[in-house]
Amino acid sequence: MSEKIIDLSKFDSRGYNKGAGTIKILLWYFVNTLFVRPAWNPIMCSKFFLLRIFGAKLGKNICLKPGVIIKSPWYLVVGDNSWIGENVWIDNLDRVTIGSNVCISQGAMLLTGNHDYTDRFMPYRNAPIILEDGVWIGAQAVVTSGVTAFSCSILTVGSIATKDMQANEIYQGNPAIKIRERILK
């Protein structure tokens, strides 16, 4: 039996971000680092203007706190009245769709990308994330690639969603499991 080993020398990160060319990606990193992410720029309308220039589709009344990392704005859609808290990381190598009235609390991570650990060259295997209307992602929680959080579901603080979350359900743990129903008054 021949020994199979991981060979990252063959890993090719080119093309991971098919939504933009090299110049657009480099320009975004510069603009994001200087104007969108830092706390010194409290003017949200300027952040939204820059995100839209780079292809983000943004609704009305969005709250974007300081320190938010958005890897690829051209893969981002956000509905009306949604909040994105401090230091949220939207690592969107694929499309991230955030509905209306969604709350993503501080330090949460939306991770659309991963590596295929069954392939010794570990190529990317990406999938979109969808957060439907009324979803709440708790502080320091993680949503992984391919997950849909259906309407009004909740992922509690520090939990990790690796599978879809059904509507009006509360999920907790690693991996997150349903703990109870969400009852709205």
Protein backbone atom coordinates (compact mmCIF):
# COMPACT_ATOMS: atom_id res chain seq x y z
CA MET A 1 0.00 0.00 0.00
CA SER A 2 1.44 3.36 -1.00
CA GLU A 3 1.40 6.08 1.61
CA LYS A 4 -0.80 9.04 0.74
CA ILE A 5 0.29 12.33 2.18
CA ILE A 6 -1.06 15.84 2.08
CA ASP A 7 0.72 17.89 -0.56
CA LEU A 8 -0.11 21.58 -0.19
CA SER A 9 2.56 22.51 -2.74
CA LYS A 10 -0.08 21.70 -5.37
CA PHE A 11 -2.77 23.86 -3.74
CA ASP A 12 -3.96 26.55 -6.11
CA SER A 13 -5.77 29.51 -4.57
CA ARG A 14 -6.18 31.24 -7.93
CA GLY A 15 -9.77 31.29 -8.97
CA TYR A 16 -11.14 30.86 -5.44
CA ASN A 17 -12.84 34.18 -5.93
CA LYS A 18 -14.39 33.96 -9.36
CA GLY A 19 -16.59 37.01 -8.77
CA ALA A 20 -13.75 39.49 -9.33
CA GLY A 21 -10.43 39.94 -11.04
CA THR A 22 -7.10 40.42 -9.32
CA ILE A 23 -7.17 44.23 -9.53
CA LYS A 24 -10.68 44.43 -8.04
CA ILE A 25 -9.71 42.06 -5.22
CA LEU A 26 -6.57 44.05 -4.38
CA LEU A 27 -8.44 47.36 -4.56
CA TRP A 28 -11.14 45.97 -2.24
CA TYR A 29 -8.55 44.88 0.35
CA PHE A 30 -7.14 48.42 0.33
CA VAL A 31 -10.54 50.17 0.52
CA ASN A 32 -11.85 47.74 3.14
CA THR A 33 -8.77 48.11 5.35
CA LEU A 34 -8.75 51.91 5.23
CA PHE A 35 -12.42 52.90 5.06
CA VAL A 36 -14.97 50.12 5.68
CA ARG A 37 -13.58 48.04 8.53
CA PRO A 38 -11.99 50.58 10.91
CA ALA A 39 -13.77 52.23 13.82
CA TRP A 40 -12.44 55.67 12.90
CA ASN A 41 -15.06 55.87 10.12
CA PRO A 42 -18.43 56.00 11.90
CA ILE A 43 -20.25 57.23 8.80
CA MET A 44 -22.21 54.19 7.68
CA CYS A 45 -23.45 55.73 4.45
CA SER A 46 -19.86 56.00 3.19
CA LYS A 47 -19.29 52.32 4.03
CA PHE A 48 -22.47 51.35 2.18
CA PHE A 49 -21.45 53.45 -0.82
CA LEU A 50 -18.09 51.64 -1.03
CA LEU A 51 -19.66 48.21 -0.54
CA ARG A 52 -22.13 48.92 -3.34
CA ILE A 53 -19.34 50.09 -5.67
CA PHE A 54 -17.73 46.67 -5.14
CA GLY A 55 -20.99 44.84 -5.89
CA ALA A 56 -22.79 44.34 -2.57
CA LYS A 57 -26.57 44.50 -2.76
CA LEU A 58 -27.74 46.31 0.37
CA GLY A 59 -31.21 47.16 1.63
CA LYS A 60 -32.30 50.11 3.80
CA ASN A 61 -31.65 50.77 7.49
CA ILE A 62 -28.68 48.44 7.85
CA CYS A 63 -26.44 48.79 10.89
CA LEU A 64 -22.82 47.87 10.16
CA LYS A 65 -20.64 48.10 13.28
CA PRO A 66 -16.85 48.68 13.30
CA GLY A 67 -14.44 45.85 12.63
CA VAL A 68 -16.68 43.89 10.27
CA ILE A 69 -14.63 41.85 7.79
CA ILE A 70 -16.27 41.25 4.41
CA LYS A 71 -14.02 39.21 2.17
CA SER A 72 -15.99 39.58 -1.10
CA PRO A 73 -18.68 42.26 -1.27
CA TRP A 74 -19.63 41.10 -4.79
CA TYR A 75 -21.02 37.94 -3.11
CA LEU A 76 -23.02 39.79 -0.42
CA VAL A 77 -26.75 40.52 -0.29
CA VAL A 78 -28.31 42.12 2.82
CA GLY A 79 -32.01 42.93 3.26
CA ASP A 80 -33.61 45.84 5.12
CA ASN A 81 -33.25 46.61 8.85
CA SER A 82 -30.46 44.11 9.50
CA TRP A 83 -27.67 44.50 12.06
CA ILE A 84 -24.12 43.26 11.69
CA GLY A 85 -22.22 43.57 14.96
CA GLU A 86 -18.65 44.42 15.87
CA ASN A 87 -15.94 42.13 14.50
CA VAL A 88 -18.29 39.91 12.51
CA TRP A 89 -16.36 38.02 9.84
CA ILE A 90 -18.19 37.34 6.58
CA ASP A 91 -15.71 35.04 4.86
CA ASN A 92 -17.73 34.83 1.68
CA LEU A 93 -15.87 32.85 -0.95
CA ASP A 94 -19.40 32.11 -2.17
CA ARG A 95 -22.69 34.02 -1.93
CA VAL A 96 -23.95 35.13 1.48
CA THR A 97 -27.58 36.20 1.54
CA ILE A 98 -28.77 37.94 4.70
CA GLY A 99 -32.50 38.63 4.80
CA SER A 100 -34.36 41.51 6.41
CA ASN A 101 -34.51 42.05 10.18
CA VAL A 102 -31.53 39.75 10.77
CA CYS A 103 -29.18 40.25 13.73
CA ILE A 104 -25.62 38.94 13.53
CA SER A 105 -24.05 39.56 16.92
CA GLN A 106 -20.46 40.56 17.66
CA GLY A 107 -17.68 38.19 16.72
CA ALA A 108 -19.88 35.80 14.74
CA MET A 109 -18.43 34.15 11.65
CA LEU A 110 -20.11 33.23 8.36
CA LEU A 111 -17.74 30.81 6.60
CA THR A 112 -18.69 29.84 3.05
CA GLY A 113 -15.38 28.15 2.32
CA ASN A 114 -13.63 25.05 3.44
CA HIS A 115 -11.09 22.60 2.07
CA ASP A 116 -11.81 19.15 0.69
CA TYR A 117 -9.95 17.08 3.26
CA THR A 118 -10.48 13.91 1.17
CA ASP A 119 -8.25 15.29 -1.60
CA ARG A 120 -4.54 15.36 -0.78
CA PHE A 121 -4.20 18.76 -2.53
CA MET A 122 -7.03 20.17 -0.37
CA PRO A 123 -8.83 22.31 -2.97
CA TYR A 124 -11.58 24.68 -1.89
CA ARG A 125 -15.11 23.39 -1.57
CA ASN A 126 -17.36 26.38 -1.10
CA ALA A 127 -21.12 26.70 -0.70
CA PRO A 128 -23.46 29.66 -0.07
CA ILE A 129 -24.97 30.66 3.26
CA ILE A 130 -28.54 31.94 3.51
CA LEU A 131 -29.93 33.68 6.59
CA GLU A 132 -33.64 34.24 6.02
CA ASP A 133 -35.72 37.07 7.51
CA GLY A 134 -35.74 37.40 11.30
CA VAL A 135 -32.73 35.15 11.99
CA TRP A 136 -30.48 35.87 14.95
CA ILE A 137 -26.89 34.61 15.00
CA GLY A 138 -25.50 34.94 18.53
CA ALA A 139 -22.15 36.39 19.55
CA GLN A 140 -19.11 34.26 18.66
CA ALA A 141 -21.34 31.78 16.77
CA VAL A 142 -20.24 30.18 13.49
CA VAL A 143 -22.33 29.36 10.43
CA THR A 144 -20.56 27.01 8.01
CA SER A 145 -20.77 26.60 4.26
CA GLY A 146 -24.01 25.41 2.72
CA VAL A 147 -26.17 26.25 5.75
CA THR A 148 -29.58 27.87 5.45
CA ALA A 149 -31.03 29.43 8.60
CA PHE A 150 -34.74 29.52 7.89
CA SER A 151 -37.02 32.36 9.00
CA CYS A 152 -36.74 33.47 12.63
CA SER A 153 -34.33 30.71 13.69
CA ILE A 154 -31.69 31.44 16.34
CA LEU A 155 -28.12 30.18 16.73
CA THR A 156 -27.10 30.80 20.34
CA VAL A 157 -23.86 32.32 21.62
CA GLY A 158 -20.75 30.33 20.70
CA SER A 159 -22.64 27.64 18.78
CA ILE A 160 -21.66 26.18 15.41
CA ALA A 161 -24.25 25.54 12.69
CA THR A 162 -23.13 22.79 10.33
CA LYS A 163 -26.63 21.92 9.07
CA ASP A 164 -29.75 23.88 8.15
CA MET A 165 -31.70 25.49 10.98
CA GLN A 166 -35.47 25.19 10.69
CA ALA A 167 -37.86 28.16 10.99
CA ASN A 168 -38.74 29.39 14.49
CA GLU A 169 -36.30 27.00 16.19
CA ILE A 170 -33.44 27.74 18.60
CA TYR A 171 -30.13 25.90 18.09
CA GLN A 172 -27.22 25.49 20.49
CA GLY A 173 -23.94 23.60 20.78
CA ASN A 174 -21.18 22.20 18.59
CA PRO A 175 -22.54 20.99 16.32
CA ALA A 176 -25.69 22.97 16.98
CA ILE A 177 -28.86 21.02 17.68
CA LYS A 178 -32.41 22.20 18.22
CA ILE A 179 -33.07 22.94 21.89
CA ARG A 180 -36.55 24.47 21.69
CA GLU A 181 -39.05 26.38 19.62
CA ARG A 182 -38.85 30.17 19.26
CA ILE A 183 -42.18 31.66 20.25
CA LEU A 184 -42.67 35.29 19.21
CA LYS A 185 -45.08 37.53 21.13
